[in-house]
Amino acid sequence: MPLNINNLNNTNQVKQNVEQQNQIKKQVVQNANTEQVKTTRQDSVSLTPQAKQLTELQKKSGDEPVLNQKKIEQLKKAISSGEYKIDPEKLAKNIASFEFNID
C-alpha cells in the first residue's frame, strides 16, 4: 500500500500500516514455528562404530564373572604354603612404571 506523504496526519493510513506490519510479524513467527517443527521431525541419531563396539564389549563382559575364583584360590594356597615368591626388582619396576604412566 503506498504511503501518502502529502497527508501525514491521516491516522487511518498509519493504523493500516501498523496493522500490516503486525500481520507480517505474525506470519514470520508462524513460518519460523513451522520450520522448527519440520526440522525436528527430520532429526535422527546414529551410533559410531566405536560406540557399537563398546556396547558389544559391555555385553560380553557382563557374561564373564567379576572374579576368577580359581586363580584366587591358587594364590591363597601358594601364599599359605610359602611357595609364592616376590621379585622385589620386578615389583619396583612395575610400581615405577605405573606411577610414571599416571601423570
PDB file of N, CA and C in Angstrom:
ATOM      1  N   MET A   1       0.842  -1.168   0.000  1.00  0.00           N
ATOM      2  CA  MET A   1       0.000   0.000   0.000  1.00  0.00           C
ATOM      3  C   MET A   1       0.891   1.236   0.000  1.00  0.00           C
ATOM      4  N   PRO A   2       0.699   2.130  -0.934  1.00  0.00           N
ATOM      5  CA  PRO A   2       1.542   3.327  -0.992  1.00  0.00           C
ATOM      6  C   PRO A   2       1.247   4.266   0.173  1.00  0.00           C
ATOM      7  N   LEU A   3       2.260   4.956   0.610  1.00  0.00           N
ATOM      8  CA  LEU A   3       2.148   5.910   1.709  1.00  0.00           C
ATOM      9  C   LEU A   3       1.932   7.307   1.129  1.00  0.00           C
ATOM     10  N   ASN A   4       0.913   7.977   1.621  1.00  0.00           N
ATOM     11  CA  ASN A   4       0.595   9.332   1.169  1.00  0.00           C
ATOM     12  C   ASN A   4       1.429  10.303   1.985  1.00  0.00           C
ATOM     13  N   ILE A   5       2.495  10.843   1.398  1.00  0.00           N
ATOM     14  CA  ILE A   5       3.382  11.733   2.147  1.00  0.00           C
ATOM     15  C   ILE A   5       2.834  13.159   2.242  1.00  0.00           C
ATOM     16  N   ASN A   6       1.853  13.499   1.417  1.00  0.00           N
ATOM     17  CA  ASN A   6       1.260  14.837   1.468  1.00  0.00           C
ATOM     18  C   ASN A   6       0.320  14.990   2.650  1.00  0.00           C
ATOM     19  N   ASN A   7      -0.220  13.891   3.130  1.00  0.00           N
ATOM     20  CA  ASN A   7      -1.187  13.961   4.213  1.00  0.00           C
ATOM     21  C   ASN A   7      -0.721  13.032   5.340  1.00  0.00           C
ATOM     22  N   LEU A   8       0.335  13.423   6.078  1.00  0.00           N
ATOM     23  CA  LEU A   8       0.934  12.587   7.106  1.00  0.00           C
ATOM     24  C   LEU A   8       0.065  12.476   8.348  1.00  0.00           C
ATOM     25  N   ASN A   9      -0.883  13.334   8.525  1.00  0.00           N
ATOM     26  CA  ASN A   9      -1.740  13.297   9.697  1.00  0.00           C
ATOM     27  C   ASN A   9      -2.906  12.335   9.531  1.00  0.00           C
ATOM     28  N   ASN A  10      -2.952  11.648   8.446  1.00  0.00           N
ATOM     29  CA  ASN A  10      -4.040  10.722   8.192  1.00  0.00           C
ATOM     30  C   ASN A  10      -3.861   9.491   9.091  1.00  0.00           C
ATOM     31  N   THR A  11      -4.622   9.417  10.175  1.00  0.00           N
ATOM     32  CA  THR A  11      -4.480   8.342  11.152  1.00  0.00           C
ATOM     33  C   THR A  11      -4.942   6.996  10.615  1.00  0.00           C
ATOM     34  N   ASN A  12      -5.864   7.009   9.709  1.00  0.00           N
ATOM     35  CA  ASN A  12      -6.328   5.744   9.133  1.00  0.00           C
ATOM     36  C   ASN A  12      -5.204   5.040   8.384  1.00  0.00           C
ATOM     37  N   GLN A  13      -4.449   5.814   7.634  1.00  0.00           N
ATOM     38  CA  GLN A  13      -3.355   5.220   6.875  1.00  0.00           C
ATOM     39  C   GLN A  13      -2.277   4.700   7.825  1.00  0.00           C
ATOM     40  N   VAL A  14      -1.989   5.423   8.892  1.00  0.00           N
ATOM     41  CA  VAL A  14      -0.998   4.987   9.878  1.00  0.00           C
ATOM     42  C   VAL A  14      -1.463   3.702  10.551  1.00  0.00           C
ATOM     43  N   LYS A  15      -2.726   3.636  10.918  1.00  0.00           N
ATOM     44  CA  LYS A  15      -3.272   2.440  11.560  1.00  0.00           C
ATOM     45  C   LYS A  15      -3.185   1.231  10.633  1.00  0.00           C
ATOM     46  N   GLN A  16      -3.478   1.479   9.350  1.00  0.00           N
ATOM     47  CA  GLN A  16      -3.418   0.385   8.387  1.00  0.00           C
ATOM     48  C   GLN A  16      -1.984  -0.123   8.238  1.00  0.00           C
ATOM     49  N   ASN A  17      -1.028   0.779   8.222  1.00  0.00           N
ATOM     50  CA  ASN A  17       0.378   0.393   8.115  1.00  0.00           C
ATOM     51  C   ASN A  17       0.816  -0.423   9.335  1.00  0.00           C
ATOM     52  N   VAL A  18       0.390  -0.006  10.503  1.00  0.00           N
ATOM     53  CA  VAL A  18       0.722  -0.725  11.735  1.00  0.00           C
ATOM     54  C   VAL A  18       0.096  -2.120  11.704  1.00  0.00           C
ATOM     55  N   GLU A  19      -1.152  -2.193  11.257  1.00  0.00           N
ATOM     56  CA  GLU A  19      -1.825  -3.484  11.162  1.00  0.00           C
ATOM     57  C   GLU A  19      -1.116  -4.403  10.178  1.00  0.00           C
ATOM     58  N   GLN A  20      -0.693  -3.849   9.054  1.00  0.00           N
ATOM     59  CA  GLN A  20       0.030  -4.649   8.067  1.00  0.00           C
ATOM     60  C   GLN A  20       1.344  -5.157   8.643  1.00  0.00           C
ATOM     61  N   GLN A  21       2.055  -4.316   9.358  1.00  0.00           N
ATOM     62  CA  GLN A  21       3.316  -4.723   9.972  1.00  0.00           C
ATOM     63  C   GLN A  21       3.081  -5.837  10.998  1.00  0.00           C
ATOM     64  N   ASN A  22       2.022  -5.702  11.790  1.00  0.00           N
ATOM     65  CA  ASN A  22       1.703  -6.734  12.779  1.00  0.00           C
ATOM     66  C   ASN A  22       1.373  -8.061  12.104  1.00  0.00           C
ATOM     67  N   GLN A  23       0.646  -7.999  10.990  1.00  0.00           N
ATOM     68  CA  GLN A  23       0.303  -9.218  10.262  1.00  0.00           C
ATOM     69  C   GLN A  23       1.560  -9.875   9.693  1.00  0.00           C
ATOM     70  N   ILE A  24       2.451  -9.068   9.174  1.00  0.00           N
ATOM     71  CA  ILE A  24       3.701  -9.603   8.626  1.00  0.00           C
ATOM     72  C   ILE A  24       4.521 -10.266   9.733  1.00  0.00           C
ATOM     73  N   LYS A  25       4.582  -9.637  10.897  1.00  0.00           N
ATOM     74  CA  LYS A  25       5.315 -10.217  12.028  1.00  0.00           C
ATOM     75  C   LYS A  25       4.720 -11.560  12.438  1.00  0.00           C
ATOM     76  N   LYS A  26       3.389 -11.641  12.491  1.00  0.00           N
ATOM     77  CA  LYS A  26       2.714 -12.897  12.841  1.00  0.00           C
ATOM     78  C   LYS A  26       3.041 -13.991  11.834  1.00  0.00           C
ATOM     79  N   GLN A  27       3.043 -13.628  10.550  1.00  0.00           N
ATOM     80  CA  GLN A  27       3.348 -14.609   9.517  1.00  0.00           C
ATOM     81  C   GLN A  27       4.784 -15.108   9.641  1.00  0.00           C
ATOM     82  N   VAL A  28       5.703 -14.211   9.945  1.00  0.00           N
ATOM     83  CA  VAL A  28       7.105 -14.600  10.114  1.00  0.00           C
ATOM     84  C   VAL A  28       7.244 -15.572  11.282  1.00  0.00           C
ATOM     85  N   VAL A  29       6.581 -15.267  12.387  1.00  0.00           N
ATOM     86  CA  VAL A  29       6.638 -16.145  13.562  1.00  0.00           C
ATOM     87  C   VAL A  29       6.028 -17.509  13.239  1.00  0.00           C
ATOM     88  N   GLN A  30       4.888 -17.509  12.549  1.00  0.00           N
ATOM     89  CA  GLN A  30       4.240 -18.770  12.188  1.00  0.00           C
ATOM     90  C   GLN A  30       5.131 -19.583  11.255  1.00  0.00           C
ATOM     91  N   ASN A  31       5.744 -18.927  10.290  1.00  0.00           N
ATOM     92  CA  ASN A  31       6.643 -19.634   9.376  1.00  0.00           C
ATOM     93  C   ASN A  31       7.846 -20.207  10.117  1.00  0.00           C
ATOM     94  N   ALA A  32       8.386 -19.459  11.064  1.00  0.00           N
ATOM     95  CA  ALA A  32       9.521 -19.934  11.845  1.00  0.00           C
ATOM     96  C   ALA A  32       9.125 -21.152  12.664  1.00  0.00           C
ATOM     97  N   ASN A  33       7.956 -21.110  13.286  1.00  0.00           N
ATOM     98  CA  ASN A  33       7.476 -22.247  14.076  1.00  0.00           C
ATOM     99  C   ASN A  33       7.271 -23.462  13.194  1.00  0.00           C
ATOM    100  N   THR A  34       6.721 -23.262  12.008  1.00  0.00           N
ATOM    101  CA  THR A  34       6.503 -24.366  11.079  1.00  0.00           C
ATOM    102  C   THR A  34       7.834 -24.982  10.659  1.00  0.00           C
ATOM    103  N   GLU A  35       8.826 -24.152  10.413  1.00  0.00           N
ATOM    104  CA  GLU A  35      10.152 -24.647  10.026  1.00  0.00           C
ATOM    105  C   GLU A  35      10.784 -25.435  11.164  1.00  0.00           C
ATOM    106  N   GLN A  36      10.596 -24.994  12.404  1.00  0.00           N
ATOM    107  CA  GLN A  36      11.149 -25.717  13.547  1.00  0.00           C
ATOM    108  C   GLN A  36      10.515 -27.089  13.658  1.00  0.00           C
ATOM    109  N   VAL A  37       9.219 -27.184  13.440  1.00  0.00           N
ATOM    110  CA  VAL A  37       8.534 -28.469  13.512  1.00  0.00           C
ATOM    111  C   VAL A  37       9.055 -29.385  12.412  1.00  0.00           C
ATOM    112  N   LYS A  38       9.217 -28.863  11.215  1.00  0.00           N
ATOM    113  CA  LYS A  38       9.738 -29.663  10.109  1.00  0.00           C
ATOM    114  C   LYS A  38      11.146 -30.149  10.409  1.00  0.00           C
ATOM    115  N   THR A  39      11.977 -29.273  10.950  1.00  0.00           N
ATOM    116  CA  THR A  39      13.344 -29.640  11.269  1.00  0.00           C
ATOM    117  C   THR A  39      13.375 -30.699  12.362  1.00  0.00           C
ATOM    118  N   THR A  40      12.549 -30.573  13.353  1.00  0.00           N
ATOM    119  CA  THR A  40      12.519 -31.522  14.453  1.00  0.00           C
ATOM    120  C   THR A  40      12.151 -32.912  13.960  1.00  0.00           C
ATOM    121  N   ARG A  41      11.254 -32.987  13.043  1.00  0.00           N
ATOM    122  CA  ARG A  41      10.827 -34.278  12.529  1.00  0.00           C
ATOM    123  C   ARG A  41      11.929 -34.966  11.739  1.00  0.00           C
ATOM    124  N   GLN A  42      12.892 -34.220  11.250  1.00  0.00           N
ATOM    125  CA  GLN A  42      13.947 -34.790  10.433  1.00  0.00           C
ATOM    126  C   GLN A  42      15.178 -35.184  11.247  1.00  0.00           C
ATOM    127  N   ASP A  43      15.203 -34.910  12.545  1.00  0.00           N
ATOM    128  CA  ASP A  43      16.345 -35.260  13.383  1.00  0.00           C
ATOM    129  C   ASP A  43      16.479 -36.772  13.495  1.00  0.00           C
ATOM    130  N   SER A  44      17.717 -37.220  13.638  1.00  0.00           N
ATOM    131  CA  SER A  44      17.961 -38.641  13.804  1.00  0.00           C
ATOM    132  C   SER A  44      19.225 -38.839  14.636  1.00  0.00           C
ATOM    133  N   VAL A  45      19.396 -40.041  15.115  1.00  0.00           N
ATOM    134  CA  VAL A  45      20.556 -40.393  15.922  1.00  0.00           C
ATOM    135  C   VAL A  45      21.222 -41.601  15.293  1.00  0.00           C
ATOM    136  N   SER A  46      22.544 -41.574  15.255  1.00  0.00           N
ATOM    137  CA  SER A  46      23.268 -42.739  14.754  1.00  0.00           C
ATOM    138  C   SER A  46      24.469 -42.983  15.663  1.00  0.00           C
ATOM    139  N   LEU A  47      24.796 -44.242  15.837  1.00  0.00           N
ATOM    140  CA  LEU A  47      25.916 -44.613  16.685  1.00  0.00           C
ATOM    141  C   LEU A  47      27.173 -44.794  15.834  1.00  0.00           C
ATOM    142  N   THR A  48      28.286 -44.364  16.379  1.00  0.00           N
ATOM    143  CA  THR A  48      29.552 -44.545  15.681  1.00  0.00           C
ATOM    144  C   THR A  48      29.969 -46.012  15.801  1.00  0.00           C
ATOM    145  N   PRO A  49      30.851 -46.475  14.934  1.00  0.00           N
ATOM    146  CA  PRO A  49      31.341 -47.854  15.052  1.00  0.00           C
ATOM    147  C   PRO A  49      31.992 -48.120  16.411  1.00  0.00           C
ATOM    148  N   GLN A  50      32.660 -47.110  16.959  1.00  0.00           N
ATOM    149  CA  GLN A  50      33.302 -47.286  18.267  1.00  0.00           C
ATOM    150  C   GLN A  50      32.250 -47.495  19.355  1.00  0.00           C
ATOM    151  N   ALA A  51      31.149 -46.769  19.277  1.00  0.00           N
ATOM    152  CA  ALA A  51      30.080 -46.918  20.271  1.00  0.00           C
ATOM    153  C   ALA A  51      29.453 -48.302  20.160  1.00  0.00           C
ATOM    154  N   LYS A  52      29.274 -48.783  18.939  1.00  0.00           N
ATOM    155  CA  LYS A  52      28.725 -50.129  18.743  1.00  0.00           C
ATOM    156  C   LYS A  52      29.671 -51.184  19.303  1.00  0.00           C
ATOM    157  N   GLN A  53      30.972 -50.983  19.066  1.00  0.00           N
ATOM    158  CA  GLN A  53      31.968 -51.927  19.578  1.00  0.00           C
ATOM    159  C   GLN A  53      31.982 -51.906  21.112  1.00  0.00           C
ATOM    160  N   LEU A  54      31.885 -50.739  21.693  1.00  0.00           N
ATOM    161  CA  LEU A  54      31.847 -50.625  23.148  1.00  0.00           C
ATOM    162  C   LEU A  54      30.626 -51.328  23.722  1.00  0.00           C
ATOM    163  N   THR A  55      29.491 -51.194  23.063  1.00  0.00           N
ATOM    164  CA  THR A  55      28.272 -51.872  23.515  1.00  0.00           C
ATOM    165  C   THR A  55      28.454 -53.383  23.494  1.00  0.00           C
ATOM    166  N   GLU A  56      29.069 -53.893  22.443  1.00  0.00           N
ATOM    167  CA  GLU A  56      29.324 -55.334  22.350  1.00  0.00           C
ATOM    168  C   GLU A  56      30.267 -55.795  23.454  1.00  0.00           C
ATOM    169  N   LEU A  57      31.308 -55.017  23.733  1.00  0.00           N
ATOM    170  CA  LEU A  57      32.242 -55.371  24.800  1.00  0.00           C
ATOM    171  C   LEU A  57      31.561 -55.377  26.164  1.00  0.00           C
ATOM    172  N   GLN A  58      30.667 -54.425  26.374  1.00  0.00           N
ATOM    173  CA  GLN A  58      29.939 -54.383  27.647  1.00  0.00           C
ATOM    174  C   GLN A  58      29.050 -55.610  27.801  1.00  0.00           C
ATOM    175  N   LYS A  59      28.422 -56.032  26.723  1.00  0.00           N
ATOM    176  CA  LYS A  59      27.577 -57.226  26.780  1.00  0.00           C
ATOM    177  C   LYS A  59      28.414 -58.460  27.102  1.00  0.00           C
ATOM    178  N   LYS A  60      29.572 -58.577  26.439  1.00  0.00           N
ATOM    179  CA  LYS A  60      30.447 -59.731  26.673  1.00  0.00           C
ATOM    180  C   LYS A  60      30.988 -59.734  28.099  1.00  0.00           C
ATOM    181  N   SER A  61      31.377 -58.562  28.594  1.00  0.00           N
ATOM    182  CA  SER A  61      31.938 -58.501  29.947  1.00  0.00           C
ATOM    183  C   SER A  61      30.879 -58.793  31.001  1.00  0.00           C
ATOM    184  N   GLY A  62      29.635 -58.534  30.689  1.00  0.00           N
ATOM    185  CA  GLY A  62      28.559 -58.843  31.620  1.00  0.00           C
ATOM    186  C   GLY A  62      28.373 -60.337  31.809  1.00  0.00           C
ATOM    187  N   ASP A  63      28.765 -61.119  30.811  1.00  0.00           N
ATOM    188  CA  ASP A  63      28.643 -62.576  30.886  1.00  0.00           C
ATOM    189  C   ASP A  63      29.769 -63.205  31.695  1.00  0.00           C
ATOM    190  N   GLU A  64      30.911 -62.526  31.777  1.00  0.00           N
ATOM    191  CA  GLU A  64      32.071 -63.066  32.478  1.00  0.00           C
ATOM    192  C   GLU A  64      31.965 -62.804  33.981  1.00  0.00           C
ATOM    193  N   PRO A  65      32.469 -63.737  34.781  1.00  0.00           N
ATOM    194  CA  PRO A  65      32.457 -63.492  36.236  1.00  0.00           C
ATOM    195  C   PRO A  65      33.414 -62.348  36.587  1.00  0.00           C
ATOM    196  N   VAL A  66      33.073 -61.598  37.625  1.00  0.00           N
ATOM    197  CA  VAL A  66      33.880 -60.455  38.033  1.00  0.00           C
ATOM    198  C   VAL A  66      35.214 -60.925  38.608  1.00  0.00           C
ATOM    199  N   LEU A  67      35.190 -61.992  39.376  1.00  0.00           N
ATOM    200  CA  LEU A  67      36.396 -62.524  39.997  1.00  0.00           C
ATOM    201  C   LEU A  67      36.705 -63.909  39.440  1.00  0.00           C
ATOM    202  N   ASN A  68      37.989 -64.177  39.262  1.00  0.00           N
ATOM    203  CA  ASN A  68      38.423 -65.503  38.849  1.00  0.00           C
ATOM    204  C   ASN A  68      38.703 -66.287  40.135  1.00  0.00           C
ATOM    205  N   GLN A  69      37.682 -66.955  40.621  1.00  0.00           N
ATOM    206  CA  GLN A  69      37.768 -67.625  41.917  1.00  0.00           C
ATOM    207  C   GLN A  69      38.855 -68.701  41.940  1.00  0.00           C
ATOM    208  N   LYS A  70      39.043 -69.389  40.823  1.00  0.00           N
ATOM    209  CA  LYS A  70      40.067 -70.443  40.758  1.00  0.00           C
ATOM    210  C   LYS A  70      41.465 -69.848  40.954  1.00  0.00           C
ATOM    211  N   LYS A  71      41.734 -68.721  40.294  1.00  0.00           N
ATOM    212  CA  LYS A  71      43.030 -68.047  40.422  1.00  0.00           C
ATOM    213  C   LYS A  71      43.236 -67.536  41.847  1.00  0.00           C
ATOM    214  N   ILE A  72      42.179 -67.029  42.467  1.00  0.00           N
ATOM    215  CA  ILE A  72      42.270 -66.535  43.839  1.00  0.00           C
ATOM    216  C   ILE A  72      42.641 -67.668  44.788  1.00  0.00           C
ATOM    217  N   GLU A  73      42.010 -68.811  44.615  1.00  0.00           N
ATOM    218  CA  GLU A  73      42.309 -69.964  45.473  1.00  0.00           C
ATOM    219  C   GLU A  73      43.747 -70.428  45.288  1.00  0.00           C
ATOM    220  N   GLN A  74      44.233 -70.425  44.057  1.00  0.00           N
ATOM    221  CA  GLN A  74      45.624 -70.827  43.798  1.00  0.00           C
ATOM    222  C   GLN A  74      46.608 -69.886  44.491  1.00  0.00           C
ATOM    223  N   LEU A  75      46.332 -68.581  44.405  1.00  0.00           N
ATOM    224  CA  LEU A  75      47.219 -67.610  45.053  1.00  0.00           C
ATOM    225  C   LEU A  75      47.182 -67.733  46.570  1.00  0.00           C
ATOM    226  N   LYS A  76      46.014 -67.944  47.151  1.00  0.00           N
ATOM    227  CA  LYS A  76      45.904 -68.125  48.600  1.00  0.00           C
ATOM    228  C   LYS A  76      46.709 -69.335  49.053  1.00  0.00           C
ATOM    229  N   LYS A  77      46.581 -70.403  48.306  1.00  0.00           N
ATOM    230  CA  LYS A  77      47.289 -71.643  48.638  1.00  0.00           C
ATOM    231  C   LYS A  77      48.797 -71.445  48.543  1.00  0.00           C
ATOM    232  N   ALA A  78      49.257 -70.759  47.483  1.00  0.00           N
ATOM    233  CA  ALA A  78      50.688 -70.518  47.298  1.00  0.00           C
ATOM    234  C   ALA A  78      51.234 -69.608  48.399  1.00  0.00           C
ATOM    235  N   ILE A  79      50.500 -68.603  48.812  1.00  0.00           N
ATOM    236  CA  ILE A  79      50.945 -67.703  49.883  1.00  0.00           C
ATOM    237  C   ILE A  79      51.000 -68.448  51.206  1.00  0.00           C
ATOM    238  N   SER A  80      49.970 -69.265  51.483  1.00  0.00           N
ATOM    239  CA  SER A  80      49.917 -70.021  52.746  1.00  0.00           C
ATOM    240  C   SER A  80      51.073 -70.997  52.866  1.00  0.00           C
ATOM    241  N   SER A  81      51.402 -71.638  51.770  1.00  0.00           N
ATOM    242  CA  SER A  81      52.464 -72.658  51.813  1.00  0.00           C
ATOM    243  C   SER A  81      53.853 -72.057  51.657  1.00  0.00           C
ATOM    244  N   GLY A  82      53.950 -70.783  51.361  1.00  0.00           N
ATOM    245  CA  GLY A  82      55.250 -70.130  51.207  1.00  0.00           C
ATOM    246  C   GLY A  82      55.830 -70.294  49.815  1.00  0.00           C
ATOM    247  N   GLU A  83      55.065 -70.815  48.882  1.00  0.00           N
ATOM    248  CA  GLU A  83      55.553 -71.028  47.520  1.00  0.00           C
ATOM    249  C   GLU A  83      55.497 -69.744  46.676  1.00  0.00           C
ATOM    250  N   TYR A  84      54.724 -68.774  47.084  1.00  0.00           N
ATOM    251  CA  TYR A  84      54.572 -67.538  46.313  1.00  0.00           C
ATOM    252  C   TYR A  84      55.768 -66.649  46.585  1.00  0.00           C
ATOM    253  N   LYS A  85      56.583 -66.457  45.558  1.00  0.00           N
ATOM    254  CA  LYS A  85      57.800 -65.649  45.690  1.00  0.00           C
ATOM    255  C   LYS A  85      57.597 -64.314  44.995  1.00  0.00           C
ATOM    256  N   ILE A  86      58.110 -63.263  45.619  1.00  0.00           N
ATOM    257  CA  ILE A  86      58.004 -61.920  45.080  1.00  0.00           C
ATOM    258  C   ILE A  86      59.390 -61.474  44.627  1.00  0.00           C
ATOM    259  N   ASP A  87      59.497 -61.015  43.390  1.00  0.00           N
ATOM    260  CA  ASP A  87      60.749 -60.471  42.865  1.00  0.00           C
ATOM    261  C   ASP A  87      60.727 -58.973  43.145  1.00  0.00           C
ATOM    262  N   PRO A  88      61.509 -58.502  44.134  1.00  0.00           N
ATOM    263  CA  PRO A  88      61.449 -57.095  44.541  1.00  0.00           C
ATOM    264  C   PRO A  88      61.826 -56.125  43.418  1.00  0.00           C
ATOM    265  N   GLU A  89      62.790 -56.503  42.569  1.00  0.00           N
ATOM    266  CA  GLU A  89      63.195 -55.616  41.481  1.00  0.00           C
ATOM    267  C   GLU A  89      62.062 -55.460  40.451  1.00  0.00           C
ATOM    268  N   LYS A  90      61.423 -56.577  40.120  1.00  0.00           N
ATOM    269  CA  LYS A  90      60.315 -56.528  39.164  1.00  0.00           C
ATOM    270  C   LYS A  90      59.154 -55.721  39.750  1.00  0.00           C
ATOM    271  N   LEU A  91      58.881 -55.907  41.034  1.00  0.00           N
ATOM    272  CA  LEU A  91      57.817 -55.168  41.696  1.00  0.00           C
ATOM    273  C   LEU A  91      58.107 -53.665  41.674  1.00  0.00           C
ATOM    274  N   ALA A  92      59.353 -53.294  41.965  1.00  0.00           N
ATOM    275  CA  ALA A  92      59.746 -51.877  41.964  1.00  0.00           C
ATOM    276  C   ALA A  92      59.597 -51.277  40.565  1.00  0.00           C
ATOM    277  N   LYS A  93      60.012 -52.026  39.539  1.00  0.00           N
ATOM    278  CA  LYS A  93      59.871 -51.547  38.159  1.00  0.00           C
ATOM    279  C   LYS A  93      58.404 -51.323  37.802  1.00  0.00           C
ATOM    280  N   ASN A  94      57.565 -52.261  38.169  1.00  0.00           N
ATOM    281  CA  ASN A  94      56.134 -52.138  37.860  1.00  0.00           C
ATOM    282  C   ASN A  94      55.492 -50.964  38.584  1.00  0.00           C
ATOM    283  N   ILE A  95      55.879 -50.750  39.842  1.00  0.00           N
ATOM    284  CA  ILE A  95      55.332 -49.623  40.590  1.00  0.00           C
ATOM    285  C   ILE A  95      55.787 -48.309  39.956  1.00  0.00           C
ATOM    286  N   ALA A  96      57.080 -48.223  39.618  1.00  0.00           N
ATOM    287  CA  ALA A  96      57.605 -47.003  38.990  1.00  0.00           C
ATOM    288  C   ALA A  96      56.926 -46.757  37.639  1.00  0.00           C
ATOM    289  N   SER A  97      56.740 -47.804  36.864  1.00  0.00           N
ATOM    290  CA  SER A  97      56.080 -47.668  35.561  1.00  0.00           C
ATOM    291  C   SER A  97      54.640 -47.190  35.728  1.00  0.00           C
ATOM    292  N   PHE A  98      53.956 -47.747  36.708  1.00  0.00           N
ATOM    293  CA  PHE A  98      52.574 -47.352  36.975  1.00  0.00           C
ATOM    294  C   PHE A  98      52.493 -45.873  37.359  1.00  0.00           C
ATOM    295  N   GLU A  99      53.386 -45.455  38.247  1.00  0.00           N
ATOM    296  CA  GLU A  99      53.409 -44.049  38.697  1.00  0.00           C
ATOM    297  C   GLU A  99      53.739 -43.122  37.532  1.00  0.00           C
ATOM    298  N   PHE A 100      54.662 -43.530  36.677  1.00  0.00           N
ATOM    299  CA  PHE A 100      55.066 -42.700  35.541  1.00  0.00           C
ATOM    300  C   PHE A 100      53.896 -42.547  34.563  1.00  0.00           C
ATOM    301  N   ASN A 101      53.123 -43.592  34.352  1.00  0.00           N
ATOM    302  CA  ASN A 101      52.022 -43.555  33.391  1.00  0.00           C
ATOM    303  C   ASN A 101      50.803 -42.801  33.889  1.00  0.00           C
ATOM    304  N   ILE A 102      50.710 -42.573  35.191  1.00  0.00           N
ATOM    305  CA  ILE A 102      49.560 -41.838  35.752  1.00  0.00           C
ATOM    306  C   ILE A 102      49.629 -40.376  35.335  1.00  0.00           C
ATOM    307  N   ASP A 103      50.798 -39.783  35.329  1.00  0.00           N
ATOM    308  CA  ASP A 103      50.945 -38.350  35.004  1.00  0.00           C
ATOM    309  C   ASP A 103      50.657 -38.094  33.595  1.00  0.00           C
TER     310      ASP A 103
END
